Amino acid sequence: MKANGVNNLSAHKTASLDVPDSLPSLEGRKIVYTWGGWHGHEPQQSLELFKPWLESEGATVDVHDNLECYADAEYMNGVDLVIQIFTMSEISKEQEKGLLNAVRNGMGIAGWHGGLCDSFRQNVEYQFMSGGQWVAHPGGVIPYSVQIKDQEDPVTKGLNEFHMVSEQYYMHVDPNMKVLATTTF
């Protein structure tokens, strides 16, 4: 969805951040890290980067290179957060139902780039839950700037406009979402 030439942001690279001292603790949290799909987004490399950090912060991290765990309601009831990095993949109806129910019941879900908003192109209910769907990279890899729309939100606090050379995302976005950063085509 495009409004006044402004689009939702997702990108390969991130700006350097000063991490606030008051982040919520991961101590004792159960995190499920699912990875797979298109290898061009390097899902296994993201696992190798983030899993050690999550564990050093006190989280228990279960790793799955498939989505079968989503269909296990008892297992999902014990999960605090799913980190999903699955791009251009497929999810069964049972897996989708299990994931959506867990999120409805308070489980968190996180991801980035195509690993969350280009995961399951044929699953509209999943897209409603994630808040958007990737459409295209107009122009391919190009230079662009990123404008921070809410510098008071905990996610973007301390961030200023920054510049990228990457794939600029064009997405359909749920108008009820709070968009924190945008880029203009």
C-alpha atoms as a PDB file:
ATOM      1  CA  MET A   1       0.000   0.000   0.000  1.00  0.00           C
ATOM      2  CA  LYS A   2       1.441   3.374  -0.935  1.00  0.00           C
ATOM      3  CA  ALA A   3       0.207   6.639   0.545  1.00  0.00           C
ATOM      4  CA  ASN A   4       1.729   9.935  -0.598  1.00  0.00           C
ATOM      5  CA  GLY A   5       4.765   8.094  -1.938  1.00  0.00           C
ATOM      6  CA  VAL A   6       5.658   6.702   1.529  1.00  0.00           C
ATOM      7  CA  ASN A   7       6.216   3.020   2.158  1.00  0.00           C
ATOM      8  CA  ASN A   8       6.856   0.789   5.151  1.00  0.00           C
ATOM      9  CA  LEU A   9      10.536   0.055   5.851  1.00  0.00           C
ATOM     10  CA  SER A  10      12.414  -3.203   5.969  1.00  0.00           C
ATOM     11  CA  ALA A  11      16.044  -3.509   4.975  1.00  0.00           C
ATOM     12  CA  HIS A  12      19.089  -5.790   4.994  1.00  0.00           C
ATOM     13  CA  LYS A  13      21.235  -3.497   7.133  1.00  0.00           C
ATOM     14  CA  THR A  14      20.484  -1.560  10.293  1.00  0.00           C
ATOM     15  CA  ALA A  15      21.890   1.610  11.783  1.00  0.00           C
ATOM     16  CA  SER A  16      24.221   1.497  14.779  1.00  0.00           C
ATOM     17  CA  LEU A  17      22.228   1.914  17.966  1.00  0.00           C
ATOM     18  CA  ASP A  18      22.935   2.933  21.525  1.00  0.00           C
ATOM     19  CA  VAL A  19      21.135   0.199  23.462  1.00  0.00           C
ATOM     20  CA  PRO A  20      19.120   1.558  26.408  1.00  0.00           C
ATOM     21  CA  ASP A  21      20.055   0.274  29.852  1.00  0.00           C
ATOM     22  CA  SER A  22      16.453  -0.631  30.661  1.00  0.00           C
ATOM     23  CA  LEU A  23      15.608  -3.369  28.153  1.00  0.00           C
ATOM     24  CA  PRO A  24      13.216  -6.085  29.388  1.00  0.00           C
ATOM     25  CA  SER A  25      15.032  -9.140  30.699  1.00  0.00           C
ATOM     26  CA  LEU A  26      15.158 -12.344  28.667  1.00  0.00           C
ATOM     27  CA  GLU A  27      16.036 -14.321  31.795  1.00  0.00           C
ATOM     28  CA  GLY A  28      13.912 -17.471  31.921  1.00  0.00           C
ATOM     29  CA  ARG A  29      12.101 -16.717  28.644  1.00  0.00           C
ATOM     30  CA  LYS A  30      11.457 -19.542  26.190  1.00  0.00           C
ATOM     31  CA  ILE A  31      12.162 -18.502  22.618  1.00  0.00           C
ATOM     32  CA  VAL A  32      11.485 -20.595  19.535  1.00  0.00           C
ATOM     33  CA  TYR A  33      13.691 -19.672  16.584  1.00  0.00           C
ATOM     34  CA  THR A  34      12.343 -21.019  13.290  1.00  0.00           C
ATOM     35  CA  TRP A  35      14.419 -20.593  10.170  1.00  0.00           C
ATOM     36  CA  GLY A  36      14.212 -21.728   6.566  1.00  0.00           C
ATOM     37  CA  GLY A  37      12.717 -20.895   3.231  1.00  0.00           C
ATOM     38  CA  TRP A  38      14.754 -19.016   0.650  1.00  0.00           C
ATOM     39  CA  HIS A  39      18.448 -19.178   1.566  1.00  0.00           C
ATOM     40  CA  GLY A  40      19.241 -15.831  -0.081  1.00  0.00           C
ATOM     41  CA  HIS A  41      18.084 -14.086   3.097  1.00  0.00           C
ATOM     42  CA  GLU A  42      20.633 -16.138   5.062  1.00  0.00           C
ATOM     43  CA  PRO A  43      18.297 -17.574   7.715  1.00  0.00           C
ATOM     44  CA  GLN A  44      20.913 -19.933   9.183  1.00  0.00           C
ATOM     45  CA  GLN A  45      23.456 -17.128   9.469  1.00  0.00           C
ATOM     46  CA  SER A  46      20.920 -15.042  11.412  1.00  0.00           C
ATOM     47  CA  LEU A  47      20.450 -17.958  13.801  1.00  0.00           C
ATOM     48  CA  GLU A  48      24.233 -18.198  14.314  1.00  0.00           C
ATOM     49  CA  LEU A  49      24.311 -14.470  15.071  1.00  0.00           C
ATOM     50  CA  PHE A  50      21.337 -14.160  17.425  1.00  0.00           C
ATOM     51  CA  LYS A  51      21.102 -17.491  19.282  1.00  0.00           C
ATOM     52  CA  PRO A  52      24.306 -16.998  21.329  1.00  0.00           C
ATOM     53  CA  TRP A  53      23.219 -13.489  22.314  1.00  0.00           C
ATOM     54  CA  LEU A  54      19.713 -14.597  23.327  1.00  0.00           C
ATOM     55  CA  GLU A  55      21.202 -17.384  25.471  1.00  0.00           C
ATOM     56  CA  SER A  56      23.761 -15.018  27.036  1.00  0.00           C
ATOM     57  CA  GLU A  57      20.787 -12.890  28.118  1.00  0.00           C
ATOM     58  CA  GLY A  58      19.245 -15.870  29.944  1.00  0.00           C
ATOM     59  CA  ALA A  59      16.729 -17.127  27.374  1.00  0.00           C
ATOM     60  CA  THR A  60      16.210 -20.763  26.489  1.00  0.00           C
ATOM     61  CA  VAL A  61      16.259 -21.030  22.694  1.00  0.00           C
ATOM     62  CA  ASP A  62      14.706 -23.962  20.823  1.00  0.00           C
ATOM     63  CA  VAL A  63      15.717 -24.072  17.156  1.00  0.00           C
ATOM     64  CA  HIS A  64      13.597 -25.517  14.348  1.00  0.00           C
ATOM     65  CA  ASP A  65      14.421 -25.609  10.629  1.00  0.00           C
ATOM     66  CA  ASN A  66      10.759 -26.345   9.925  1.00  0.00           C
ATOM     67  CA  LEU A  67       7.365 -25.145  11.149  1.00  0.00           C
ATOM     68  CA  GLU A  68       6.037 -28.376  12.668  1.00  0.00           C
ATOM     69  CA  CYS A  69       6.229 -27.034  16.230  1.00  0.00           C
ATOM     70  CA  TYR A  70       3.535 -24.442  15.401  1.00  0.00           C
ATOM     71  CA  ALA A  71       0.934 -27.230  15.153  1.00  0.00           C
ATOM     72  CA  ASP A  72       1.683 -28.458  18.714  1.00  0.00           C
ATOM     73  CA  ALA A  73      -0.654 -26.375  20.910  1.00  0.00           C
ATOM     74  CA  GLU A  74       0.764 -27.703  24.190  1.00  0.00           C
ATOM     75  CA  TYR A  75       4.313 -26.828  23.126  1.00  0.00           C
ATOM     76  CA  MET A  76       3.321 -23.380  21.832  1.00  0.00           C
ATOM     77  CA  ASN A  77       1.509 -22.574  25.112  1.00  0.00           C
ATOM     78  CA  GLY A  78       4.915 -22.647  26.841  1.00  0.00           C
ATOM     79  CA  VAL A  79       6.613 -20.282  24.371  1.00  0.00           C
ATOM     80  CA  ASP A  80       7.156 -16.595  25.178  1.00  0.00           C
ATOM     81  CA  LEU A  81       8.451 -15.512  21.780  1.00  0.00           C
ATOM     82  CA  VAL A  82       8.822 -16.905  18.262  1.00  0.00           C
ATOM     83  CA  ILE A  83      11.575 -15.456  16.128  1.00  0.00           C
ATOM     84  CA  GLN A  84      10.697 -16.481  12.587  1.00  0.00           C
ATOM     85  CA  ILE A  85      13.027 -16.210   9.614  1.00  0.00           C
ATOM     86  CA  PHE A  86      11.175 -18.068   6.830  1.00  0.00           C
ATOM     87  CA  THR A  87      11.084 -16.383   3.419  1.00  0.00           C
ATOM     88  CA  MET A  88       8.939 -17.387   0.416  1.00  0.00           C
ATOM     89  CA  SER A  89       7.788 -20.582   2.056  1.00  0.00           C
ATOM     90  CA  GLU A  90       4.589 -22.461   2.779  1.00  0.00           C
ATOM     91  CA  ILE A  91       2.796 -23.171   6.033  1.00  0.00           C
ATOM     92  CA  SER A  92       0.130 -25.831   6.522  1.00  0.00           C
ATOM     93  CA  LYS A  93      -3.330 -24.904   7.790  1.00  0.00           C
ATOM     94  CA  GLU A  94      -2.593 -26.693  11.102  1.00  0.00           C
ATOM     95  CA  GLN A  95       0.711 -24.850  11.544  1.00  0.00           C
ATOM     96  CA  GLU A  96      -0.854 -21.506  10.683  1.00  0.00           C
ATOM     97  CA  LYS A  97      -3.741 -22.108  13.100  1.00  0.00           C
ATOM     98  CA  GLY A  98      -1.322 -23.013  15.899  1.00  0.00           C
ATOM     99  CA  LEU A  99       0.840 -19.945  15.343  1.00  0.00           C
ATOM    100  CA  LEU A 100      -2.128 -17.575  15.109  1.00  0.00           C
ATOM    101  CA  ASN A 101      -3.703 -19.031  18.261  1.00  0.00           C
ATOM    102  CA  ALA A 102      -0.449 -18.679  20.198  1.00  0.00           C
ATOM    103  CA  VAL A 103      -0.123 -15.024  19.154  1.00  0.00           C
ATOM    104  CA  ARG A 104      -3.781 -14.382  20.073  1.00  0.00           C
ATOM    105  CA  ASN A 105      -3.042 -15.888  23.493  1.00  0.00           C
ATOM    106  CA  GLY A 106      -0.174 -13.475  24.141  1.00  0.00           C
ATOM    107  CA  MET A 107       2.924 -15.071  22.665  1.00  0.00           C
ATOM    108  CA  GLY A 108       5.208 -12.568  20.971  1.00  0.00           C
ATOM    109  CA  ILE A 109       6.435 -12.884  17.407  1.00  0.00           C
ATOM    110  CA  ALA A 110       9.451 -11.183  15.877  1.00  0.00           C
ATOM    111  CA  GLY A 111      11.255 -11.238  12.577  1.00  0.00           C
ATOM    112  CA  TRP A 112      12.640  -8.953   9.947  1.00  0.00           C
ATOM    113  CA  HIS A 113      12.864  -8.466   6.241  1.00  0.00           C
ATOM    114  CA  GLY A 114      11.276 -11.286   4.227  1.00  0.00           C
ATOM    115  CA  GLY A 115      11.530 -13.665   7.184  1.00  0.00           C
ATOM    116  CA  LEU A 116       8.327 -12.274   8.641  1.00  0.00           C
ATOM    117  CA  CYS A 117       6.471 -10.260   5.979  1.00  0.00           C
ATOM    118  CA  ASP A 118       7.229 -12.415   2.957  1.00  0.00           C
ATOM    119  CA  SER A 119       6.920 -15.786   4.623  1.00  0.00           C
ATOM    120  CA  PHE A 120       3.639 -17.215   3.400  1.00  0.00           C
ATOM    121  CA  ARG A 121       2.259 -15.389   0.374  1.00  0.00           C
ATOM    122  CA  GLN A 122      -0.870 -17.539   0.136  1.00  0.00           C
ATOM    123  CA  ASN A 123      -1.957 -17.185   3.774  1.00  0.00           C
ATOM    124  CA  VAL A 124      -4.124 -14.111   4.253  1.00  0.00           C
ATOM    125  CA  GLU A 125      -4.846 -14.751   7.959  1.00  0.00           C
ATOM    126  CA  TYR A 126      -1.090 -14.862   8.596  1.00  0.00           C
ATOM    127  CA  GLN A 127      -0.716 -11.567   6.719  1.00  0.00           C
ATOM    128  CA  PHE A 128      -3.417  -9.983   8.899  1.00  0.00           C
ATOM    129  CA  MET A 129      -1.493 -11.132  11.982  1.00  0.00           C
ATOM    130  CA  SER A 130       1.896  -9.885  10.732  1.00  0.00           C
ATOM    131  CA  GLY A 131       0.400  -6.594   9.580  1.00  0.00           C
ATOM    132  CA  GLY A 132       1.665  -6.614   6.047  1.00  0.00           C
ATOM    133  CA  GLN A 133       2.921  -8.382   2.962  1.00  0.00           C
ATOM    134  CA  TRP A 134       5.988  -7.686   0.876  1.00  0.00           C
ATOM    135  CA  VAL A 135       5.214  -6.766  -2.732  1.00  0.00           C
ATOM    136  CA  ALA A 136       8.406  -5.784  -4.563  1.00  0.00           C
ATOM    137  CA  HIS A 137      11.865  -4.170  -4.561  1.00  0.00           C
ATOM    138  CA  PRO A 138      11.332  -1.366  -7.100  1.00  0.00           C
ATOM    139  CA  GLY A 139      14.719  -0.480  -8.553  1.00  0.00           C
ATOM    140  CA  GLY A 140      16.561  -3.395  -6.923  1.00  0.00           C
ATOM    141  CA  VAL A 141      19.500  -2.444  -4.692  1.00  0.00           C
ATOM    142  CA  ILE A 142      19.590   1.366  -4.539  1.00  0.00           C
ATOM    143  CA  PRO A 143      20.639   4.183  -2.187  1.00  0.00           C
ATOM    144  CA  TYR A 144      17.813   5.694  -0.111  1.00  0.00           C
ATOM    145  CA  SER A 145      17.169   7.374   3.226  1.00  0.00           C
ATOM    146  CA  VAL A 146      15.045   6.188   6.131  1.00  0.00           C
ATOM    147  CA  GLN A 147      12.929   8.667   8.075  1.00  0.00           C
ATOM    148  CA  ILE A 148      12.042   7.904  11.693  1.00  0.00           C
ATOM    149  CA  LYS A 149       8.399   8.827  12.284  1.00  0.00           C
ATOM    150  CA  ASP A 150       8.261   8.412  16.085  1.00  0.00           C
ATOM    151  CA  GLN A 151      11.489   9.047  17.968  1.00  0.00           C
ATOM    152  CA  GLU A 152       9.776   8.544  21.337  1.00  0.00           C
ATOM    153  CA  ASP A 153       8.718   4.931  20.763  1.00  0.00           C
ATOM    154  CA  PRO A 154      11.017   2.494  22.647  1.00  0.00           C
ATOM    155  CA  VAL A 155      11.850   0.736  19.364  1.00  0.00           C
ATOM    156  CA  THR A 156      13.105   3.874  17.604  1.00  0.00           C
ATOM    157  CA  LYS A 157      14.126   6.072  20.568  1.00  0.00           C
ATOM    158  CA  GLY A 158      17.452   7.710  19.795  1.00  0.00           C
ATOM    159  CA  LEU A 159      17.363   6.945  16.089  1.00  0.00           C
ATOM    160  CA  ASN A 160      17.664   9.678  13.498  1.00  0.00           C
ATOM    161  CA  GLU A 161      17.314   9.590   9.726  1.00  0.00           C
ATOM    162  CA  PHE A 162      19.903   7.277   8.182  1.00  0.00           C
ATOM    163  CA  HIS A 163      20.974   6.255   4.698  1.00  0.00           C
ATOM    164  CA  MET A 164      21.060   2.797   3.136  1.00  0.00           C
ATOM    165  CA  VAL A 165      22.175   1.004   0.013  1.00  0.00           C
ATOM    166  CA  SER A 166      19.954  -2.066  -0.112  1.00  0.00           C
ATOM    167  CA  GLU A 167      16.644  -3.365  -1.379  1.00  0.00           C
ATOM    168  CA  GLN A 168      13.972  -0.801  -0.663  1.00  0.00           C
ATOM    169  CA  TYR A 169      10.789  -2.584   0.405  1.00  0.00           C
ATOM    170  CA  TYR A 170       7.385  -1.864  -1.089  1.00  0.00           C
ATOM    171  CA  MET A 171       4.739  -3.427   1.160  1.00  0.00           C
ATOM    172  CA  HIS A 172       1.030  -3.622   1.622  1.00  0.00           C
ATOM    173  CA  VAL A 173       0.550  -2.525   5.241  1.00  0.00           C
ATOM    174  CA  ASP A 174      -2.449  -2.755   7.544  1.00  0.00           C
ATOM    175  CA  PRO A 175      -3.555   0.877   8.068  1.00  0.00           C
ATOM    176  CA  ASN A 176      -4.104   0.134  11.777  1.00  0.00           C
ATOM    177  CA  MET A 177      -0.380  -0.498  12.305  1.00  0.00           C
ATOM    178  CA  LYS A 178       1.864   2.084  13.867  1.00  0.00           C
ATOM    179  CA  VAL A 179       4.602   2.640  11.288  1.00  0.00           C
ATOM    180  CA  LEU A 180       7.817   3.793  12.973  1.00  0.00           C
ATOM    181  CA  ALA A 181      10.059   4.355   9.960  1.00  0.00           C
ATOM    182  CA  THR A 182       9.419   5.053   6.301  1.00  0.00           C
ATOM    183  CA  THR A 183      11.261   5.583   3.077  1.00  0.00           C
ATOM    184  CA  THR A 184      10.070   7.419  -0.030  1.00  0.00           C
ATOM    185  CA  PHE A 185      10.312   6.127  -3.594  1.00  0.00           C
END
